[in-house]
N, C-alpha and C. Protein backbone atom coordinates (compact mmCIF):
# COMPACT_ATOMS: atom_id res chain seq x y z
N MET A 1 50.57 19.25 -39.87
CA MET A 1 49.66 18.81 -38.65
C MET A 1 50.22 18.24 -37.43
N GLN A 2 50.30 18.52 -36.77
CA GLN A 2 50.97 18.02 -35.37
C GLN A 2 50.45 16.52 -35.19
N GLN A 3 51.08 15.22 -34.79
CA GLN A 3 50.70 14.41 -34.44
C GLN A 3 50.54 14.23 -32.91
N ARG A 4 49.39 12.88 -32.52
CA ARG A 4 49.65 12.97 -31.23
C ARG A 4 49.74 12.14 -30.73
N SER A 5 50.35 12.21 -29.74
CA SER A 5 50.89 10.90 -28.79
C SER A 5 49.45 9.64 -28.31
N ARG A 6 49.86 8.58 -28.18
CA ARG A 6 49.10 7.49 -27.32
C ARG A 6 49.35 7.75 -25.83
N PRO A 7 48.64 7.76 -24.88
CA PRO A 7 48.65 7.45 -23.60
C PRO A 7 49.66 6.36 -23.52
N GLY A 8 50.08 6.30 -22.40
CA GLY A 8 51.30 5.24 -21.86
C GLY A 8 52.46 5.59 -22.79
N ARG A 9 52.67 5.81 -24.09
CA ARG A 9 54.18 5.95 -24.13
C ARG A 9 54.96 7.21 -23.70
N PRO A 10 55.80 6.67 -23.38
CA PRO A 10 56.97 7.62 -23.27
C PRO A 10 57.64 8.75 -24.49
N GLY A 11 57.42 9.99 -23.19
CA GLY A 11 58.01 11.16 -24.36
C GLY A 11 56.31 11.98 -24.82
N GLY A 12 55.23 11.37 -24.50
CA GLY A 12 53.75 11.94 -25.08
C GLY A 12 53.73 13.25 -24.39
N ARG A 13 52.57 13.53 -24.45
CA ARG A 13 51.83 14.43 -23.23
C ARG A 13 51.53 13.61 -22.65
N GLY A 14 51.18 14.01 -21.17
CA GLY A 14 50.55 13.68 -19.95
C GLY A 14 51.24 12.55 -19.58
N SER A 15 52.70 12.53 -19.78
CA SER A 15 53.37 10.84 -19.55
C SER A 15 54.69 12.06 -18.37
N ALA A 16 54.60 11.73 -17.37
CA ALA A 16 55.24 11.85 -16.42
C ALA A 16 56.51 10.92 -15.76
N PRO A 17 57.51 11.56 -15.53
CA PRO A 17 58.98 10.52 -15.28
C PRO A 17 58.56 9.20 -14.50
N ARG A 18 59.61 8.37 -14.68
CA ARG A 18 59.22 7.42 -13.99
C ARG A 18 59.95 7.61 -12.35
N GLY A 19 59.50 6.75 -11.60
CA GLY A 19 60.11 6.96 -10.37
C GLY A 19 59.12 7.33 -9.32
N ARG A 20 59.84 8.77 -8.65
CA ARG A 20 58.80 9.22 -7.33
C ARG A 20 57.85 10.16 -7.49
N ALA A 21 56.89 10.48 -7.37
CA ALA A 21 55.77 11.74 -7.97
C ALA A 21 56.42 12.94 -8.28
N GLY A 22 56.32 13.01 -9.28
CA GLY A 22 56.94 14.73 -9.95
C GLY A 22 56.03 15.88 -9.16
N ALA A 23 56.49 16.82 -8.94
CA ALA A 23 55.38 18.46 -8.75
C ALA A 23 54.28 17.89 -9.41
N GLY A 24 53.64 17.85 -10.25
CA GLY A 24 51.95 17.46 -11.10
C GLY A 24 51.38 16.60 -10.81
N ARG A 25 52.15 15.34 -10.16
CA ARG A 25 51.40 14.63 -9.76
C ARG A 25 51.10 14.09 -8.35
N ALA A 26 49.53 13.80 -7.94
CA ALA A 26 48.84 13.15 -6.69
C ALA A 26 50.18 12.04 -6.09
N PRO A 27 49.82 12.26 -4.79
CA PRO A 27 50.76 11.06 -3.77
C PRO A 27 49.39 10.09 -3.85
N SER A 28 50.40 8.83 -4.37
CA SER A 28 49.19 7.59 -4.00
C SER A 28 48.36 7.45 -3.13
N ARG A 29 49.35 7.58 -1.84
CA ARG A 29 48.30 7.73 -0.59
C ARG A 29 48.21 9.04 0.24
N PRO A 30 47.35 9.17 0.87
CA PRO A 30 46.70 10.62 1.87
C PRO A 30 47.98 10.16 2.64
N THR A 31 48.25 11.36 3.09
CA THR A 31 49.17 11.78 4.28
C THR A 31 48.97 11.38 5.43
N VAL A 32 49.48 11.05 6.18
CA VAL A 32 49.30 10.97 7.49
C VAL A 32 49.42 12.07 8.60
N ALA A 33 48.75 11.89 9.49
CA ALA A 33 48.75 13.29 10.33
C ALA A 33 50.04 13.23 11.18
N ARG A 34 50.55 14.18 11.35
CA ARG A 34 51.82 13.80 12.29
C ARG A 34 51.49 14.54 13.37
N ARG A 35 52.34 14.28 14.46
CA ARG A 35 52.50 15.39 15.48
C ARG A 35 53.58 16.30 15.32
N VAL A 36 52.82 17.27 16.19
CA VAL A 36 53.49 18.54 15.97
C VAL A 36 54.43 18.79 17.16
N VAL A 37 55.55 19.34 16.93
CA VAL A 37 55.89 19.07 18.76
C VAL A 37 56.12 21.02 18.52
N SER A 38 55.62 20.89 19.97
CA SER A 38 55.46 23.06 20.35
C SER A 38 56.85 22.73 21.05
N THR A 39 57.06 24.26 21.04
CA THR A 39 58.51 24.54 22.19
C THR A 39 58.08 24.54 23.09
N GLY A 40 56.77 24.15 23.37
CA GLY A 40 56.62 24.35 25.57
C GLY A 40 56.64 22.91 25.53
N GLY A 41 57.38 22.02 25.24
CA GLY A 41 57.49 20.59 25.27
C GLY A 41 56.28 19.58 25.09
N ALA A 42 55.00 19.94 25.52
CA ALA A 42 54.25 19.29 25.39
C ALA A 42 53.67 18.82 23.47
N ALA A 43 53.33 17.59 23.42
CA ALA A 43 53.06 17.34 21.90
C ALA A 43 51.38 17.64 21.37
N MET A 44 51.29 18.52 20.39
CA MET A 44 49.94 18.61 20.21
C MET A 44 49.32 17.29 18.69
N ARG A 45 48.18 17.06 19.04
CA ARG A 45 47.68 15.88 18.50
C ARG A 45 46.62 16.42 17.46
N THR A 46 46.79 16.30 15.91
CA THR A 46 45.84 16.32 14.91
C THR A 46 44.69 15.65 14.50
N ARG A 47 43.82 15.91 13.96
CA ARG A 47 42.75 14.22 13.75
C ARG A 47 42.73 14.50 12.34
N ALA A 48 42.62 12.80 12.18
CA ALA A 48 42.97 11.88 11.07
C ALA A 48 41.72 12.70 10.16
N PRO A 49 42.14 12.92 9.07
CA PRO A 49 40.56 12.78 8.25
C PRO A 49 39.45 12.18 8.20
N GLN A 50 38.30 12.87 8.24
CA GLN A 50 37.63 11.67 8.37
C GLN A 50 36.97 11.16 6.32
N PRO A 51 36.62 9.82 6.70
CA PRO A 51 35.89 10.06 5.03
C PRO A 51 34.44 10.22 5.04
N ARG A 52 34.32 10.59 4.11
CA ARG A 52 32.50 11.08 3.66
C ARG A 52 31.47 10.10 3.83
N ARG A 53 30.71 10.41 4.28
CA ARG A 53 29.74 9.32 4.55
C ARG A 53 28.88 8.58 3.25
N PHE A 54 28.55 9.49 2.68
CA PHE A 54 27.74 9.32 1.06
C PHE A 54 28.71 9.83 -0.03
N THR A 55 29.13 8.10 -1.01
CA THR A 55 29.50 8.94 -1.93
C THR A 55 28.58 9.54 -2.95
N SER A 56 29.11 9.74 -4.48
CA SER A 56 28.42 10.40 -5.33
C SER A 56 27.63 8.90 -5.91
N ARG A 57 27.94 8.12 -5.76
CA ARG A 57 27.33 6.84 -6.30
C ARG A 57 26.29 6.28 -5.65
N ALA A 58 26.52 6.31 -4.03
CA ALA A 58 25.89 5.91 -2.82
C ALA A 58 24.07 6.66 -3.32
N VAL A 59 24.21 8.28 -3.47
CA VAL A 59 23.48 9.35 -3.65
C VAL A 59 22.57 9.10 -4.88
N VAL A 60 23.24 8.76 -6.25
CA VAL A 60 22.47 8.01 -7.44
C VAL A 60 21.62 7.05 -7.24
N LEU A 61 22.31 6.28 -6.79
CA LEU A 61 21.76 4.70 -6.53
C LEU A 61 20.76 5.22 -5.49
N GLY A 62 20.34 5.73 -4.28
CA GLY A 62 18.86 6.35 -3.48
C GLY A 62 18.29 6.80 -4.31
N LEU A 63 18.65 8.27 -5.09
CA LEU A 63 17.45 8.35 -5.85
C LEU A 63 17.08 8.28 -6.92
N VAL A 64 17.71 7.12 -7.69
CA VAL A 64 17.27 6.25 -8.53
C VAL A 64 16.15 5.24 -7.70
N LEU A 65 16.51 4.86 -6.68
CA LEU A 65 15.56 4.00 -5.88
C LEU A 65 14.50 4.31 -5.32
N LEU A 66 14.49 5.82 -4.93
CA LEU A 66 13.24 6.65 -4.44
C LEU A 66 12.49 7.04 -5.58
N VAL A 67 12.69 7.43 -6.85
CA VAL A 67 11.93 7.11 -7.86
C VAL A 67 11.35 6.25 -8.57
N LEU A 68 12.07 4.59 -8.63
CA LEU A 68 11.40 3.84 -8.75
C LEU A 68 10.31 3.52 -7.39
N LEU A 69 10.43 3.86 -6.56
CA LEU A 69 9.51 3.30 -5.32
C LEU A 69 8.53 4.34 -5.49
N LEU A 70 8.44 5.66 -6.21
CA LEU A 70 7.39 6.48 -6.05
C LEU A 70 6.69 5.94 -7.58
N ALA A 71 7.05 5.67 -8.36
CA ALA A 71 6.56 5.11 -9.91
C ALA A 71 6.15 4.06 -9.63
N TYR A 72 6.18 3.09 -8.93
CA TYR A 72 5.57 1.67 -8.51
C TYR A 72 4.58 1.73 -7.88
N ALA A 73 4.32 2.69 -6.79
CA ALA A 73 3.14 3.58 -5.65
C ALA A 73 2.27 3.47 -5.92
N TYR A 74 1.69 3.84 -7.12
CA TYR A 74 0.22 4.17 -7.28
C TYR A 74 -0.33 2.97 -8.36
N PRO A 75 1.01 2.15 -9.20
CA PRO A 75 -0.20 0.85 -9.54
C PRO A 75 -0.12 -0.22 -8.50
N VAL A 76 0.25 0.23 -7.49
CA VAL A 76 0.72 -1.22 -6.26
C VAL A 76 -0.84 -0.83 -5.53
N ARG A 77 -0.90 0.50 -5.51
CA ARG A 77 -2.02 0.58 -5.01
C ARG A 77 -3.37 0.59 -5.90
N VAL A 78 -3.64 0.86 -7.02
CA VAL A 78 -4.85 0.66 -7.79
C VAL A 78 -4.81 -1.60 -8.15
N TYR A 79 -3.95 -1.94 -7.69
CA TYR A 79 -3.96 -3.45 -8.11
C TYR A 79 -4.56 -3.41 -6.25
N LEU A 80 -4.23 -3.03 -5.45
CA LEU A 80 -4.65 -3.38 -4.40
C LEU A 80 -6.04 -3.35 -4.52
N ALA A 81 -6.62 -2.25 -4.61
CA ALA A 81 -7.92 -1.75 -4.64
C ALA A 81 -8.94 -2.15 -5.60
N GLN A 82 -8.16 -3.24 -6.42
CA GLN A 82 -8.66 -3.81 -7.59
C GLN A 82 -9.16 -5.32 -6.93
N GLN A 83 -8.07 -5.85 -6.25
CA GLN A 83 -8.19 -6.68 -5.83
C GLN A 83 -9.20 -6.77 -4.62
N ALA A 84 -9.43 -6.13 -3.79
CA ALA A 84 -10.53 -5.71 -2.88
C ALA A 84 -11.67 -5.97 -3.16
N GLU A 85 -11.61 -5.39 -4.56
CA GLU A 85 -13.44 -4.85 -5.31
C GLU A 85 -13.68 -5.73 -5.94
N ILE A 86 -12.96 -7.33 -6.74
CA ILE A 86 -12.92 -8.43 -7.00
C ILE A 86 -13.34 -9.03 -5.56
N GLU A 87 -12.84 -9.38 -4.82
CA GLU A 87 -13.14 -10.03 -3.66
C GLU A 87 -14.81 -9.87 -2.99
N ALA A 88 -15.41 -8.57 -2.95
CA ALA A 88 -16.25 -7.85 -2.18
C ALA A 88 -17.31 -8.37 -3.82
N MET A 89 -17.01 -8.50 -4.81
CA MET A 89 -17.65 -9.12 -5.75
C MET A 89 -17.82 -10.40 -6.30
N GLU A 90 -17.21 -10.91 -5.31
CA GLU A 90 -17.12 -12.64 -5.16
C GLU A 90 -18.31 -13.40 -3.83
N ALA A 91 -17.82 -12.04 -3.05
CA ALA A 91 -18.89 -12.36 -2.24
C ALA A 91 -20.42 -11.82 -2.20
N SER A 92 -20.79 -11.33 -3.22
CA SER A 92 -21.80 -10.53 -3.32
C SER A 92 -22.58 -11.57 -4.68
N GLN A 93 -21.53 -12.45 -5.00
CA GLN A 93 -22.19 -12.98 -6.27
C GLN A 93 -22.63 -14.62 -5.14
N GLN A 94 -21.61 -14.69 -4.26
CA GLN A 94 -22.06 -15.97 -3.64
C GLN A 94 -23.25 -15.75 -2.74
N LYS A 95 -23.57 -14.84 -2.03
CA LYS A 95 -24.94 -14.50 -1.57
C LYS A 95 -26.22 -14.20 -2.77
N GLN A 96 -25.63 -13.76 -3.50
CA GLN A 96 -26.73 -13.57 -4.59
C GLN A 96 -27.18 -15.32 -5.15
N ALA A 97 -26.31 -16.28 -5.13
CA ALA A 97 -26.44 -17.54 -5.35
C ALA A 97 -27.20 -17.99 -4.54
N VAL A 98 -26.96 -18.19 -3.06
CA VAL A 98 -27.81 -18.37 -2.24
C VAL A 98 -29.06 -18.17 -2.23
N LYS A 99 -29.28 -16.52 -2.46
CA LYS A 99 -30.55 -16.03 -2.37
C LYS A 99 -31.13 -17.22 -3.65
N VAL A 100 -30.92 -16.91 -4.50
CA VAL A 100 -31.50 -17.77 -5.79
C VAL A 100 -31.94 -19.11 -5.66
N ALA A 101 -31.20 -19.33 -4.73
CA ALA A 101 -31.42 -21.02 -4.52
C ALA A 101 -32.69 -21.36 -3.63
N ASP A 102 -32.45 -19.93 -2.55
CA ASP A 102 -34.13 -20.29 -1.53
C ASP A 102 -34.94 -19.88 -2.58
N MET A 103 -34.77 -18.67 -3.18
CA MET A 103 -36.51 -18.60 -4.02
C MET A 103 -36.58 -19.81 -5.07
N GLN A 104 -35.28 -20.20 -5.32
CA GLN A 104 -36.50 -21.48 -6.61
C GLN A 104 -37.08 -22.77 -5.35
N ALA A 105 -36.29 -22.68 -3.95
CA ALA A 105 -37.00 -24.02 -3.26
C ALA A 105 -38.24 -23.30 -2.85
N ARG A 106 -38.56 -21.96 -2.54
CA ARG A 106 -39.85 -21.44 -2.31
C ARG A 106 -40.76 -21.61 -3.89
N ALA A 107 -40.25 -21.35 -4.63
CA ALA A 107 -41.02 -21.45 -5.88
C ALA A 107 -41.33 -23.07 -6.15
N LYS A 108 -40.48 -23.76 -5.83
CA LYS A 108 -40.74 -25.21 -6.13
C LYS A 108 -42.11 -25.77 -5.56
N LYS A 109 -42.37 -25.11 -4.48
CA LYS A 109 -42.77 -25.71 -3.26
C LYS A 109 -44.48 -25.57 -3.49
N TRP A 110 -45.04 -23.97 -4.77
CA TRP A 110 -46.00 -23.92 -4.63
C TRP A 110 -46.42 -25.08 -5.98
N ASP A 111 -45.57 -25.71 -6.53
CA ASP A 111 -45.99 -27.11 -7.28
C ASP A 111 -47.04 -27.99 -6.89
N ASP A 112 -46.86 -28.19 -5.63
CA ASP A 112 -47.71 -29.09 -4.31
C ASP A 112 -48.89 -28.25 -4.34
N PRO A 113 -50.05 -29.31 -5.12
CA PRO A 113 -51.45 -28.93 -4.14
C PRO A 113 -51.58 -28.42 -2.76
N GLU A 114 -51.02 -29.35 -1.77
CA GLU A 114 -51.19 -29.42 -0.83
C GLU A 114 -50.93 -27.94 -0.09
N TYR A 115 -49.67 -27.60 -0.70
CA TYR A 115 -49.16 -25.96 -0.13
C TYR A 115 -49.87 -25.40 -0.67
N VAL A 116 -50.35 -25.14 -1.26
CA VAL A 116 -51.25 -23.87 -2.06
C VAL A 116 -52.30 -24.13 -1.26
N ILE A 117 -53.13 -25.21 -0.93
CA ILE A 117 -54.15 -24.83 -0.37
C ILE A 117 -54.23 -24.65 1.02
N SER A 118 -53.09 -25.41 1.62
CA SER A 118 -52.72 -24.79 3.14
C SER A 118 -52.35 -23.27 2.95
N GLN A 119 -51.75 -22.80 2.08
CA GLN A 119 -51.42 -21.35 1.90
C GLN A 119 -52.35 -20.14 2.02
N ALA A 120 -53.72 -20.97 0.86
CA ALA A 120 -55.04 -20.61 0.62
C ALA A 120 -55.42 -20.11 2.18
N ARG A 121 -55.71 -21.51 2.69
CA ARG A 121 -56.09 -21.12 4.09
C ARG A 121 -55.61 -20.33 4.98
N GLN A 122 -54.79 -20.52 5.01
CA GLN A 122 -53.91 -19.12 6.15
C GLN A 122 -53.80 -18.10 5.78
N ARG A 123 -53.86 -17.59 4.23
CA ARG A 123 -52.90 -16.50 4.02
C ARG A 123 -54.32 -15.82 3.71
N LEU A 124 -55.61 -16.53 3.11
CA LEU A 124 -56.84 -15.78 2.84
C LEU A 124 -58.15 -16.24 3.43
N HIS A 125 -57.67 -16.98 3.98
CA HIS A 125 -59.02 -17.68 5.08
C HIS A 125 -60.15 -18.04 3.83
N MET A 126 -59.43 -19.18 3.49
CA MET A 126 -60.49 -19.64 2.53
C MET A 126 -60.61 -21.24 2.59
N VAL A 127 -61.69 -21.94 2.38
CA VAL A 127 -62.11 -22.97 3.28
C VAL A 127 -63.09 -23.56 1.99
N LEU A 128 -62.74 -24.96 2.26
CA LEU A 128 -62.73 -25.98 1.20
C LEU A 128 -64.76 -25.81 1.08
N PRO A 129 -65.91 -26.33 0.24
CA PRO A 129 -66.46 -26.34 0.37
C PRO A 129 -67.13 -27.16 1.01
N GLY A 130 -68.58 -27.02 1.88
CA GLY A 130 -68.99 -27.72 2.92
C GLY A 130 -68.24 -27.80 4.40
N GLU A 131 -67.01 -26.58 4.69
CA GLU A 131 -66.48 -26.74 5.72
C GLU A 131 -67.31 -25.39 6.26
N LYS A 132 -67.08 -24.96 7.82
CA LYS A 132 -67.66 -23.94 8.26
C LYS A 132 -66.57 -23.38 8.50
N PRO A 133 -66.15 -22.18 8.50
CA PRO A 133 -65.06 -21.41 9.17
C PRO A 133 -65.12 -20.85 10.69
N TYR A 134 -63.94 -21.10 11.45
CA TYR A 134 -63.98 -20.29 12.11
C TYR A 134 -62.76 -19.32 12.57
N VAL A 135 -63.22 -18.34 13.32
CA VAL A 135 -61.70 -17.19 13.51
C VAL A 135 -61.96 -17.40 14.80
N VAL A 136 -60.77 -17.50 15.44
CA VAL A 136 -60.37 -17.48 17.03
C VAL A 136 -59.94 -15.90 17.57
N VAL A 137 -60.49 -15.38 18.10
CA VAL A 137 -60.19 -13.68 18.63
C VAL A 137 -59.69 -13.94 19.86
N ASP A 138 -58.24 -13.96 20.19
CA ASP A 138 -57.93 -14.08 21.28
C ASP A 138 -57.22 -12.66 21.84
N PRO A 139 -57.86 -11.51 22.81
CA PRO A 139 -57.43 -10.29 23.75
C PRO A 139 -56.10 -10.28 23.95
N ALA A 140 -55.47 -11.47 24.18
CA ALA A 140 -54.06 -11.32 24.62
C ALA A 140 -53.47 -11.14 23.05
N ASN A 141 -53.77 -11.58 22.26
CA ASN A 141 -53.22 -11.43 21.04
C ASN A 141 -53.22 -10.33 19.88
N ARG A 142 -54.33 -9.24 20.59
CA ARG A 142 -54.74 -7.99 20.04
C ARG A 142 -53.75 -7.29 19.74
N PRO A 143 -53.43 -6.36 19.02
CA PRO A 143 -52.36 -5.22 18.77
C PRO A 143 -53.09 -4.54 19.45
N GLU A 144 -52.27 -3.23 20.19
CA GLU A 144 -52.96 -2.00 20.80
C GLU A 144 -53.13 -1.33 19.48
N THR A 145 -53.94 -0.46 19.45
CA THR A 145 -54.15 0.60 18.92
C THR A 145 -54.12 1.88 19.34
N ASP A 146 -53.58 3.13 18.95
CA ASP A 146 -53.92 4.22 19.11
C ASP A 146 -55.07 4.91 18.81
N PRO A 147 -55.81 5.60 19.74
CA PRO A 147 -57.19 6.61 19.96
C PRO A 147 -57.13 7.12 18.46
N ALA A 148 -55.90 7.81 18.42
CA ALA A 148 -55.85 8.50 17.12
C ALA A 148 -56.01 8.19 15.94
N GLU A 149 -56.16 6.45 15.25
CA GLU A 149 -56.12 5.80 14.27
C GLU A 149 -57.07 5.59 14.12
N LEU A 150 -58.40 5.74 15.42
CA LEU A 150 -59.69 5.22 14.79
C LEU A 150 -60.63 5.94 13.86
N PRO A 151 -61.54 5.48 13.05
CA PRO A 151 -61.91 5.79 12.36
C PRO A 151 -62.94 7.60 12.81
N GLY A 152 -63.70 7.60 13.92
CA GLY A 152 -64.18 8.30 14.47
C GLY A 152 -63.72 9.58 15.48
N ALA A 153 -61.98 9.34 15.59
CA ALA A 153 -61.45 9.73 17.13
C ALA A 153 -61.30 11.41 16.36
N PRO A 154 -60.57 12.37 16.57
CA PRO A 154 -61.07 13.78 16.41
C PRO A 154 -58.65 14.00 15.92
N LYS A 155 -58.70 14.25 14.95
CA LYS A 155 -57.46 14.52 14.76
C LYS A 155 -56.51 15.56 15.26
N PRO A 156 -55.51 15.31 15.64
CA PRO A 156 -54.74 16.36 16.20
C PRO A 156 -54.14 17.53 15.44
N PRO A 157 -54.48 18.46 16.10
CA PRO A 157 -53.92 20.14 15.34
C PRO A 157 -52.19 19.82 14.65
N ARG A 158 -52.19 20.22 13.04
CA ARG A 158 -51.31 20.32 12.52
C ARG A 158 -50.59 20.94 13.06
N PRO A 159 -48.60 21.02 12.98
CA PRO A 159 -47.79 21.94 13.40
C PRO A 159 -48.25 23.41 11.89
N TRP A 160 -47.65 24.20 12.46
CA TRP A 160 -47.44 25.43 11.74
C TRP A 160 -46.78 25.44 10.30
N TYR A 161 -45.87 24.63 9.71
CA TYR A 161 -44.99 24.42 8.68
C TYR A 161 -46.09 24.01 7.98
N GLY A 162 -46.98 22.75 8.82
CA GLY A 162 -48.01 21.77 7.70
C GLY A 162 -49.04 23.00 7.34
N LYS A 163 -49.49 23.71 8.14
CA LYS A 163 -50.61 24.66 7.62
C LYS A 163 -49.91 25.40 6.77
N LEU A 164 -48.79 25.93 6.99
CA LEU A 164 -48.35 27.08 5.92
C LEU A 164 -48.33 26.54 4.52
N TRP A 165 -47.62 25.21 3.94
CA TRP A 165 -47.55 24.35 3.20
C TRP A 165 -48.52 24.12 2.16
N SER A 166 -49.90 24.13 3.20
CA SER A 166 -51.37 23.01 2.10
C SER A 166 -52.05 24.42 1.74
N SER A 167 -51.59 25.92 2.58
CA SER A 167 -52.10 26.99 1.86
C SER A 167 -51.43 27.25 0.61
N VAL A 168 -49.94 27.01 0.66
CA VAL A 168 -49.40 27.17 -0.73
C VAL A 168 -49.76 26.06 -1.77
N GLU A 169 -49.96 24.81 -1.65
CA GLU A 169 -50.44 23.94 -2.69
C GLU A 169 -51.93 24.80 -2.83
N ALA A 170 -52.57 25.29 -1.85
CA ALA A 170 -53.94 25.44 -2.51
C ALA A 170 -54.06 27.01 -3.00
N ALA A 171 -53.08 27.57 -2.96
CA ALA A 171 -52.86 28.77 -3.92
C ALA A 171 -52.31 28.31 -4.87
N ASP A 172 -51.57 27.02 -5.13
CA ASP A 172 -50.88 26.74 -6.77
C ASP A 172 -52.07 26.09 -7.43
N LYS A 173 -53.28 25.27 -6.83
CA LYS A 173 -54.25 24.70 -7.58
C LYS A 173 -55.56 25.85 -8.16
N GLN A 174 -55.31 26.67 -7.41
CA GLN A 174 -56.19 28.11 -8.65
C GLN A 174 -57.48 28.01 -8.08
């Protein structure tokens, strides 16, 4: 059985001779672009290598952030919708509380006998025994009535679809 050597020990596999970079090793610094002298006498420049814009770590980090954003988007939307619904229900509850207070105040008025008598006179035109009722008719306050609504007035003809529907109903009755 062959014994493995530990990394970093001289003489083991993967170890390189000390000193200058050997044939199998990459240089520690990138090479610098040099001027090439052409035979025509003019110097020609080469471009320096451009660094990559995004490293693999940056791409992975961007993808993780995108996944997190997409994962949290729906719950945040649901949360905001629930908050709006809660606010709407609270506003509705306040309106109902005001309405209940108004109705309680109106119901409390009916406990007073004077209020009941005044409402009976006003709404039902009732009078106490011994009083003479008078009704004042003011022609200026009289509402305009449609002559077609009067009891003896002729009715306008019905449209054709009304006649058709009434014939269908009459046929159904037998």
